[in-house]
Amino acid sequence: MRFSANTGFLFKGLTFLERIGAAAAAGFDAVEFHDEAQDADPRRLAAVLAEARLPVCGLNVRMGDTAGCAAIPGAAARARADIDAAVAVANAIDAGAIHVLSGRTDADTARSCLIENLRYALERCDRIILIEPISRAAITGYFLYDLDQAVGILSDINNPRLKILFDCYHIQMQHGQCLSRFLSVADRVGHVQIASVPGRNEPTSGELDYGKLLPQIVRAGYTNAFGCEYRELSPAETVLPLLRCY
């Protein structure tokens, strides 16, 4: 199994670029970003990644105060500017995927807005585009919170490059039955993230037994890195060896 360090959560005492080096030193196989990369100098970022010898699994579009805006009516211009900015960074550093966040909204036209902006993202690049059901426990009012919502959107758009970012924490918090939920969408998943439930800390404790869950996810056909997006209670270099035992 391979593990990716999420720089939005890990190594919080360091600057963004320093976190990449820390991920390499801790033994991670890859990194993934929230929206920090959009504010970094692209040449410097590329140099740091080359020195660390870490691929980038993916990055978010700009999150802002609304946790993205792709589903917010009237925000199409901002959503598409954010997509363009994320595509430019992803191209510069060869990131594997771009996560388009829907934002907080309950508008009647939110779903159609999100679909239009996802189609725009798919047209703007040839990379994987991700959408993530984010539990209401984590972000109140976030539009895309249900796994069935995500499946319906993928079905409507019908593009093989549109995938689900399956965060085990969010799925377990929102639905329960994380493994059966994963198995039901395994062929539609582009990336998996892990954290404990309910604390969202290291994936070495809590109600999800990752020692059993991760091998089953791999047996179901998942071949990408597992994104470590959790709130640190212990140094990452002490946690990663435990994860590798799985």
C-alpha atoms as a PDB file:
ATOM      1  CA  MET A   1       0.000   0.000   0.000  1.00  0.00           C
ATOM      2  CA  ARG A   2       1.069   3.573  -0.667  1.00  0.00           C
ATOM      3  CA  PHE A   3       0.229   6.568   1.522  1.00  0.00           C
ATOM      4  CA  SER A   4      -0.089  10.228   0.641  1.00  0.00           C
ATOM      5  CA  ALA A   5       0.432  13.102   3.077  1.00  0.00           C
ATOM      6  CA  ASN A   6      -2.336  15.702   2.952  1.00  0.00           C
ATOM      7  CA  THR A   7      -0.558  19.012   3.483  1.00  0.00           C
ATOM      8  CA  GLY A   8      -3.799  20.722   4.443  1.00  0.00           C
ATOM      9  CA  PHE A   9      -3.864  18.654   7.637  1.00  0.00           C
ATOM     10  CA  LEU A  10      -0.387  17.307   8.364  1.00  0.00           C
ATOM     11  CA  PHE A  11       2.759  19.124   9.549  1.00  0.00           C
ATOM     12  CA  LYS A  12       0.743  22.188  10.553  1.00  0.00           C
ATOM     13  CA  GLY A  13       3.707  23.824  12.280  1.00  0.00           C
ATOM     14  CA  LEU A  14       5.553  24.200   8.974  1.00  0.00           C
ATOM     15  CA  THR A  15       5.072  26.303   5.874  1.00  0.00           C
ATOM     16  CA  PHE A  16       3.431  24.694   2.871  1.00  0.00           C
ATOM     17  CA  LEU A  17       6.685  24.022   1.028  1.00  0.00           C
ATOM     18  CA  GLU A  18       8.340  22.732   4.198  1.00  0.00           C
ATOM     19  CA  ARG A  19       5.509  20.236   4.635  1.00  0.00           C
ATOM     20  CA  ILE A  20       6.475  18.553   1.366  1.00  0.00           C
ATOM     21  CA  GLY A  21      10.002  17.920   2.623  1.00  0.00           C
ATOM     22  CA  ALA A  22       8.614  16.733   5.951  1.00  0.00           C
ATOM     23  CA  ALA A  23       6.362  14.268   4.139  1.00  0.00           C
ATOM     24  CA  ALA A  24       9.356  12.842   2.306  1.00  0.00           C
ATOM     25  CA  ALA A  25      11.384  12.623   5.510  1.00  0.00           C
ATOM     26  CA  ALA A  26       8.521  10.828   7.270  1.00  0.00           C
ATOM     27  CA  GLY A  27       8.430   8.194   4.524  1.00  0.00           C
ATOM     28  CA  PHE A  28       5.249   9.071   2.619  1.00  0.00           C
ATOM     29  CA  ASP A  29       4.955   7.889  -0.972  1.00  0.00           C
ATOM     30  CA  ALA A  30       3.134  10.969  -2.280  1.00  0.00           C
ATOM     31  CA  VAL A  31       1.526  14.248  -1.281  1.00  0.00           C
ATOM     32  CA  GLU A  32      -1.839  15.860  -1.886  1.00  0.00           C
ATOM     33  CA  PHE A  33      -2.915  19.446  -1.382  1.00  0.00           C
ATOM     34  CA  HIS A  34      -5.925  21.474  -0.358  1.00  0.00           C
ATOM     35  CA  ASP A  35      -5.623  24.823  -2.184  1.00  0.00           C
ATOM     36  CA  GLU A  36      -2.203  25.855  -0.845  1.00  0.00           C
ATOM     37  CA  ALA A  37      -0.495  25.267  -4.182  1.00  0.00           C
ATOM     38  CA  GLN A  38      -2.394  28.071  -5.909  1.00  0.00           C
ATOM     39  CA  ASP A  39      -0.570  30.605  -3.702  1.00  0.00           C
ATOM     40  CA  ALA A  40       2.898  29.105  -4.191  1.00  0.00           C
ATOM     41  CA  ASP A  41       5.430  30.056  -6.828  1.00  0.00           C
ATOM     42  CA  PRO A  42       5.000  27.264  -9.406  1.00  0.00           C
ATOM     43  CA  ARG A  43       8.702  26.979 -10.234  1.00  0.00           C
ATOM     44  CA  ARG A  44       9.681  26.816  -6.565  1.00  0.00           C
ATOM     45  CA  LEU A  45       6.920  24.289  -5.882  1.00  0.00           C
ATOM     46  CA  ALA A  46       8.063  22.100  -8.771  1.00  0.00           C
ATOM     47  CA  ALA A  47      11.651  22.264  -7.514  1.00  0.00           C
ATOM     48  CA  VAL A  48      10.648  21.269  -3.976  1.00  0.00           C
ATOM     49  CA  LEU A  49       8.615  18.350  -5.287  1.00  0.00           C
ATOM     50  CA  ALA A  50      11.502  17.206  -7.472  1.00  0.00           C
ATOM     51  CA  GLU A  51      13.884  17.357  -4.528  1.00  0.00           C
ATOM     52  CA  ALA A  52      11.437  15.398  -2.351  1.00  0.00           C
ATOM     53  CA  ARG A  53      10.791  12.928  -5.186  1.00  0.00           C
ATOM     54  CA  LEU A  54       7.112  12.817  -4.332  1.00  0.00           C
ATOM     55  CA  PRO A  55       4.285  12.708  -6.881  1.00  0.00           C
ATOM     56  CA  VAL A  56       1.157  14.783  -6.282  1.00  0.00           C
ATOM     57  CA  CYS A  57      -2.047  12.746  -6.069  1.00  0.00           C
ATOM     58  CA  GLY A  58      -4.265  15.778  -6.413  1.00  0.00           C
ATOM     59  CA  LEU A  59      -5.272  19.238  -5.275  1.00  0.00           C
ATOM     60  CA  ASN A  60      -8.420  21.173  -4.474  1.00  0.00           C
ATOM     61  CA  VAL A  61      -9.817  24.161  -6.291  1.00  0.00           C
ATOM     62  CA  ARG A  62      -9.768  27.282  -4.158  1.00  0.00           C
ATOM     63  CA  MET A  63     -11.895  26.665  -1.083  1.00  0.00           C
ATOM     64  CA  GLY A  64     -12.541  30.153   0.311  1.00  0.00           C
ATOM     65  CA  ASP A  65     -15.170  30.930   2.921  1.00  0.00           C
ATOM     66  CA  THR A  66     -17.813  28.719   1.296  1.00  0.00           C
ATOM     67  CA  ALA A  67     -15.742  25.522   0.826  1.00  0.00           C
ATOM     68  CA  GLY A  68     -15.743  25.963  -2.935  1.00  0.00           C
ATOM     69  CA  CYS A  69     -18.530  27.422  -5.031  1.00  0.00           C
ATOM     70  CA  ALA A  70     -19.225  25.144  -8.004  1.00  0.00           C
ATOM     71  CA  ALA A  71     -22.821  24.472  -6.887  1.00  0.00           C
ATOM     72  CA  ILE A  72     -23.618  28.025  -5.786  1.00  0.00           C
ATOM     73  CA  PRO A  73     -25.999  29.818  -8.175  1.00  0.00           C
ATOM     74  CA  GLY A  74     -24.554  33.061  -9.505  1.00  0.00           C
ATOM     75  CA  ALA A  75     -20.965  32.027  -8.764  1.00  0.00           C
ATOM     76  CA  ALA A  76     -20.145  30.408 -12.112  1.00  0.00           C
ATOM     77  CA  ALA A  77     -17.506  32.987 -13.065  1.00  0.00           C
ATOM     78  CA  ARG A  78     -15.691  32.521  -9.762  1.00  0.00           C
ATOM     79  CA  ALA A  79     -16.031  28.735  -9.918  1.00  0.00           C
ATOM     80  CA  ARG A  80     -14.555  28.608 -13.406  1.00  0.00           C
ATOM     81  CA  ALA A  81     -11.732  30.976 -12.516  1.00  0.00           C
ATOM     82  CA  ASP A  82     -10.925  28.691  -9.588  1.00  0.00           C
ATOM     83  CA  ILE A  83     -11.007  25.655 -11.871  1.00  0.00           C
ATOM     84  CA  ASP A  84      -8.685  27.378 -14.358  1.00  0.00           C
ATOM     85  CA  ALA A  85      -6.261  28.254 -11.557  1.00  0.00           C
ATOM     86  CA  ALA A  86      -6.263  24.675 -10.268  1.00  0.00           C
ATOM     87  CA  VAL A  87      -5.745  23.301 -13.787  1.00  0.00           C
ATOM     88  CA  ALA A  88      -2.753  25.607 -14.310  1.00  0.00           C
ATOM     89  CA  VAL A  89      -1.110  24.401 -11.094  1.00  0.00           C
ATOM     90  CA  ALA A  90      -1.962  20.749 -11.800  1.00  0.00           C
ATOM     91  CA  ASN A  91      -0.373  21.026 -15.239  1.00  0.00           C
ATOM     92  CA  ALA A  92       2.733  22.683 -13.815  1.00  0.00           C
ATOM     93  CA  ILE A  93       3.352  19.946 -11.240  1.00  0.00           C
ATOM     94  CA  ASP A  94       1.638  17.018 -12.988  1.00  0.00           C
ATOM     95  CA  ALA A  95      -0.949  16.484 -10.254  1.00  0.00           C
ATOM     96  CA  GLY A  96      -3.056  13.399 -10.813  1.00  0.00           C
ATOM     97  CA  ALA A  97      -6.466  14.883 -10.047  1.00  0.00           C
ATOM     98  CA  ILE A  98      -8.388  18.065  -9.294  1.00  0.00           C
ATOM     99  CA  HIS A  99     -11.074  18.118  -6.626  1.00  0.00           C
ATOM    100  CA  VAL A 100     -13.929  20.515  -7.465  1.00  0.00           C
ATOM    101  CA  LEU A 101     -15.747  21.534  -4.278  1.00  0.00           C
ATOM    102  CA  SER A 102     -19.441  22.336  -4.452  1.00  0.00           C
ATOM    103  CA  GLY A 103     -19.689  24.839  -1.586  1.00  0.00           C
ATOM    104  CA  ARG A 104     -22.372  25.574   0.977  1.00  0.00           C
ATOM    105  CA  THR A 105     -25.801  26.023  -0.562  1.00  0.00           C
ATOM    106  CA  ASP A 106     -29.313  24.616  -0.478  1.00  0.00           C
ATOM    107  CA  ALA A 107     -30.498  26.397  -3.628  1.00  0.00           C
ATOM    108  CA  ASP A 108     -32.909  24.559  -5.909  1.00  0.00           C
ATOM    109  CA  THR A 109     -30.560  24.986  -8.868  1.00  0.00           C
ATOM    110  CA  ALA A 110     -27.401  23.897  -7.027  1.00  0.00           C
ATOM    111  CA  ARG A 111     -27.215  20.491  -8.689  1.00  0.00           C
ATOM    112  CA  SER A 112     -27.495  21.870 -12.209  1.00  0.00           C
ATOM    113  CA  CYS A 113     -24.885  24.536 -11.402  1.00  0.00           C
ATOM    114  CA  LEU A 114     -22.490  21.876 -10.127  1.00  0.00           C
ATOM    115  CA  ILE A 115     -23.007  19.708 -13.211  1.00  0.00           C
ATOM    116  CA  GLU A 116     -22.323  22.634 -15.555  1.00  0.00           C
ATOM    117  CA  ASN A 117     -19.122  23.527 -13.736  1.00  0.00           C
ATOM    118  CA  LEU A 118     -17.936  19.922 -13.626  1.00  0.00           C
ATOM    119  CA  ARG A 119     -18.431  19.677 -17.373  1.00  0.00           C
ATOM    120  CA  TYR A 120     -16.374  22.846 -17.711  1.00  0.00           C
ATOM    121  CA  ALA A 121     -13.588  21.307 -15.593  1.00  0.00           C
ATOM    122  CA  LEU A 122     -13.585  18.150 -17.725  1.00  0.00           C
ATOM    123  CA  GLU A 123     -13.298  20.261 -20.865  1.00  0.00           C
ATOM    124  CA  ARG A 124     -10.404  22.332 -19.489  1.00  0.00           C
ATOM    125  CA  CYS A 125      -8.012  19.454 -18.834  1.00  0.00           C
ATOM    126  CA  ASP A 126      -7.446  15.757 -19.358  1.00  0.00           C
ATOM    127  CA  ARG A 127      -6.898  14.957 -15.677  1.00  0.00           C
ATOM    128  CA  ILE A 128      -9.172  13.138 -13.262  1.00  0.00           C
ATOM    129  CA  ILE A 129     -11.838  15.402 -11.776  1.00  0.00           C
ATOM    130  CA  LEU A 130     -13.011  14.462  -8.296  1.00  0.00           C
ATOM    131  CA  ILE A 131     -16.137  15.234  -6.316  1.00  0.00           C
ATOM    132  CA  GLU A 132     -16.304  14.406  -2.627  1.00  0.00           C
ATOM    133  CA  PRO A 133     -19.348  13.794  -0.433  1.00  0.00           C
ATOM    134  CA  ILE A 134     -18.441  15.768   2.712  1.00  0.00           C
ATOM    135  CA  SER A 135     -20.382  14.877   5.843  1.00  0.00           C
ATOM    136  CA  ARG A 136     -22.654  17.428   7.423  1.00  0.00           C
ATOM    137  CA  ALA A 137     -20.756  16.747  10.666  1.00  0.00           C
ATOM    138  CA  ALA A 138     -17.691  18.327   9.057  1.00  0.00           C
ATOM    139  CA  ILE A 139     -19.196  21.166   6.994  1.00  0.00           C
ATOM    140  CA  THR A 140     -22.717  22.280   7.829  1.00  0.00           C
ATOM    141  CA  GLY A 141     -24.705  23.138   4.724  1.00  0.00           C
ATOM    142  CA  TYR A 142     -22.251  21.653   2.235  1.00  0.00           C
ATOM    143  CA  PHE A 143     -24.247  20.782  -0.870  1.00  0.00           C
ATOM    144  CA  LEU A 144     -22.655  17.454  -1.803  1.00  0.00           C
ATOM    145  CA  TYR A 145     -22.904  15.440   1.406  1.00  0.00           C
ATOM    146  CA  ASP A 146     -24.461  12.146   0.321  1.00  0.00           C
ATOM    147  CA  LEU A 147     -22.749   9.338  -1.605  1.00  0.00           C
ATOM    148  CA  ASP A 148     -25.878   8.660  -3.664  1.00  0.00           C
ATOM    149  CA  GLN A 149     -25.841  12.315  -4.752  1.00  0.00           C
ATOM    150  CA  ALA A 150     -22.332  11.848  -6.091  1.00  0.00           C
ATOM    151  CA  VAL A 151     -23.251   8.633  -7.919  1.00  0.00           C
ATOM    152  CA  GLY A 152     -26.202  10.371  -9.552  1.00  0.00           C
ATOM    153  CA  ILE A 153     -24.022  13.236 -10.759  1.00  0.00           C
ATOM    154  CA  LEU A 154     -21.456  10.828 -12.205  1.00  0.00           C
ATOM    155  CA  SER A 155     -24.232   8.973 -13.998  1.00  0.00           C
ATOM    156  CA  ASP A 156     -25.686  12.168 -15.456  1.00  0.00           C
ATOM    157  CA  ILE A 157     -22.339  13.475 -16.738  1.00  0.00           C
ATOM    158  CA  ASN A 158     -21.140  10.032 -17.871  1.00  0.00           C
ATOM    159  CA  ASN A 159     -17.465  10.864 -18.266  1.00  0.00           C
ATOM    160  CA  PRO A 160     -14.891   8.252 -17.196  1.00  0.00           C
ATOM    161  CA  ARG A 161     -12.589  10.978 -15.863  1.00  0.00           C
ATOM    162  CA  LEU A 162     -15.142  12.135 -13.291  1.00  0.00           C
ATOM    163  CA  LYS A 163     -14.596  10.135 -10.109  1.00  0.00           C
ATOM    164  CA  ILE A 164     -15.533  10.058  -6.436  1.00  0.00           C
ATOM    165  CA  LEU A 165     -13.122  11.134  -3.745  1.00  0.00           C
ATOM    166  CA  PHE A 166     -14.096   8.554  -1.134  1.00  0.00           C
ATOM    167  CA  ASP A 167     -13.158   9.867   2.308  1.00  0.00           C
ATOM    168  CA  CYS A 168     -13.743   7.043   4.773  1.00  0.00           C
ATOM    169  CA  TYR A 169     -14.251   9.511   7.620  1.00  0.00           C
ATOM    170  CA  HIS A 170     -17.006  11.412   5.824  1.00  0.00           C
ATOM    171  CA  ILE A 171     -18.749   8.297   4.551  1.00  0.00           C
ATOM    172  CA  GLN A 172     -18.746   6.636   7.956  1.00  0.00           C
ATOM    173  CA  MET A 173     -19.942   9.792   9.704  1.00  0.00           C
ATOM    174  CA  GLN A 174     -22.727  10.396   7.188  1.00  0.00           C
ATOM    175  CA  HIS A 175     -23.827   6.860   6.334  1.00  0.00           C
ATOM    176  CA  GLY A 176     -22.031   4.226   8.387  1.00  0.00           C
ATOM    177  CA  GLN A 177     -21.144   0.886   6.753  1.00  0.00           C
ATOM    178  CA  CYS A 178     -18.006   2.304   5.152  1.00  0.00           C
ATOM    179  CA  LEU A 179     -16.836  -0.908   3.515  1.00  0.00           C
ATOM    180  CA  SER A 180     -20.154  -1.821   1.932  1.00  0.00           C
ATOM    181  CA  ARG A 181     -20.502   1.751   0.718  1.00  0.00           C
ATOM    182  CA  PHE A 182     -17.061   1.574  -0.865  1.00  0.00           C
ATOM    183  CA  LEU A 183     -17.775  -1.748  -2.528  1.00  0.00           C
ATOM    184  CA  SER A 184     -20.953  -0.326  -4.036  1.00  0.00           C
ATOM    185  CA  VAL A 185     -18.966   2.382  -5.877  1.00  0.00           C
ATOM    186  CA  ALA A 186     -15.476   0.860  -6.142  1.00  0.00           C
ATOM    187  CA  ASP A 187     -15.282   1.288  -9.913  1.00  0.00           C
ATOM    188  CA  ARG A 188     -16.219   4.965  -9.607  1.00  0.00           C
ATOM    189  CA  VAL A 189     -13.611   5.915  -6.964  1.00  0.00           C
ATOM    190  CA  GLY A 190     -10.582   7.973  -7.970  1.00  0.00           C
ATOM    191  CA  HIS A 191      -9.020   8.549  -4.570  1.00  0.00           C
ATOM    192  CA  VAL A 192      -9.476   7.326  -0.988  1.00  0.00           C
ATOM    193  CA  GLN A 193      -8.745   9.324   2.175  1.00  0.00           C
ATOM    194  CA  ILE A 194      -8.499   7.996   5.719  1.00  0.00           C
ATOM    195  CA  ALA A 195      -8.879   9.251   9.297  1.00  0.00           C
ATOM    196  CA  SER A 196     -10.252   7.920  12.548  1.00  0.00           C
ATOM    197  CA  VAL A 197     -13.962   8.074  13.364  1.00  0.00           C
ATOM    198  CA  PRO A 198     -15.296  10.067  15.107  1.00  0.00           C
ATOM    199  CA  GLY A 199     -12.224  12.111  16.094  1.00  0.00           C
ATOM    200  CA  ARG A 200     -10.734  12.558  12.610  1.00  0.00           C
ATOM    201  CA  ASN A 201      -7.299  11.811  14.009  1.00  0.00           C
ATOM    202  CA  GLU A 202      -4.711   9.168  13.104  1.00  0.00           C
ATOM    203  CA  PRO A 203      -6.288   6.184  11.284  1.00  0.00           C
ATOM    204  CA  THR A 204      -4.931   3.784  13.885  1.00  0.00           C
ATOM    205  CA  SER A 205      -7.851   3.877  16.329  1.00  0.00           C
ATOM    206  CA  GLY A 206     -11.585   4.580  16.449  1.00  0.00           C
ATOM    207  CA  GLU A 207     -14.591   2.720  15.111  1.00  0.00           C
ATOM    208  CA  LEU A 208     -13.072   2.026  11.682  1.00  0.00           C
ATOM    209  CA  ASP A 209     -10.558  -0.825  11.780  1.00  0.00           C
ATOM    210  CA  TYR A 210      -8.254   0.202   8.961  1.00  0.00           C
ATOM    211  CA  GLY A 211      -6.148  -2.907   9.493  1.00  0.00           C
ATOM    212  CA  LYS A 212      -9.075  -4.813   8.000  1.00  0.00           C
ATOM    213  CA  LEU A 213     -10.621  -2.073   5.865  1.00  0.00           C
ATOM    214  CA  LEU A 214      -7.627  -1.057   3.739  1.00  0.00           C
ATOM    215  CA  PRO A 215      -6.741  -4.587   2.538  1.00  0.00           C
ATOM    216  CA  GLN A 216     -10.390  -5.101   1.563  1.00  0.00           C
ATOM    217  CA  ILE A 217     -10.371  -1.842  -0.405  1.00  0.00           C
ATOM    218  CA  VAL A 218      -7.229  -2.982  -2.203  1.00  0.00           C
ATOM    219  CA  ARG A 219      -8.762  -6.383  -2.939  1.00  0.00           C
ATOM    220  CA  ALA A 220     -11.714  -4.560  -4.489  1.00  0.00           C
ATOM    221  CA  GLY A 221      -9.336  -3.100  -7.068  1.00  0.00           C
ATOM    222  CA  TYR A 222      -8.127   0.196  -5.593  1.00  0.00           C
ATOM    223  CA  THR A 223      -4.520   0.837  -6.668  1.00  0.00           C
ATOM    224  CA  ASN A 224      -3.854   4.478  -5.774  1.00  0.00           C
ATOM    225  CA  ALA A 225      -2.333   5.907  -2.604  1.00  0.00           C
ATOM    226  CA  PHE A 226      -4.403   6.325   0.539  1.00  0.00           C
ATOM    227  CA  GLY A 227      -4.638   9.994   1.453  1.00  0.00           C
ATOM    228  CA  CYS A 228      -3.822  10.686   5.097  1.00  0.00           C
ATOM    229  CA  GLU A 229      -6.130  13.601   5.850  1.00  0.00           C
ATOM    230  CA  TYR A 230      -6.340  13.644   9.621  1.00  0.00           C
ATOM    231  CA  ARG A 231      -5.710  15.906  12.600  1.00  0.00           C
ATOM    232  CA  GLU A 232      -2.370  14.994  14.096  1.00  0.00           C
ATOM    233  CA  LEU A 233      -2.087  13.877  17.699  1.00  0.00           C
ATOM    234  CA  SER A 234       1.242  12.092  17.128  1.00  0.00           C
ATOM    235  CA  PRO A 235       4.177  12.762  14.774  1.00  0.00           C
ATOM    236  CA  ALA A 236       3.463  11.374  11.312  1.00  0.00           C
ATOM    237  CA  GLU A 237       6.744   9.473  11.258  1.00  0.00           C
ATOM    238  CA  THR A 238       5.481   7.348  14.161  1.00  0.00           C
ATOM    239  CA  VAL A 239       2.107   6.704  12.534  1.00  0.00           C
ATOM    240  CA  LEU A 240       3.222   5.704   9.048  1.00  0.00           C
ATOM    241  CA  PRO A 241       5.035   2.504  10.151  1.00  0.00           C
ATOM    242  CA  LEU A 242       1.802   1.376  11.836  1.00  0.00           C
ATOM    243  CA  LEU A 243      -0.146   1.998   8.624  1.00  0.00           C
ATOM    244  CA  ARG A 244       2.396   0.011   6.610  1.00  0.00           C
ATOM    245  CA  CYS A 245       1.709  -2.987   8.838  1.00  0.00           C
ATOM    246  CA  TYR A 246      -1.793  -3.115   7.367  1.00  0.00           C
END
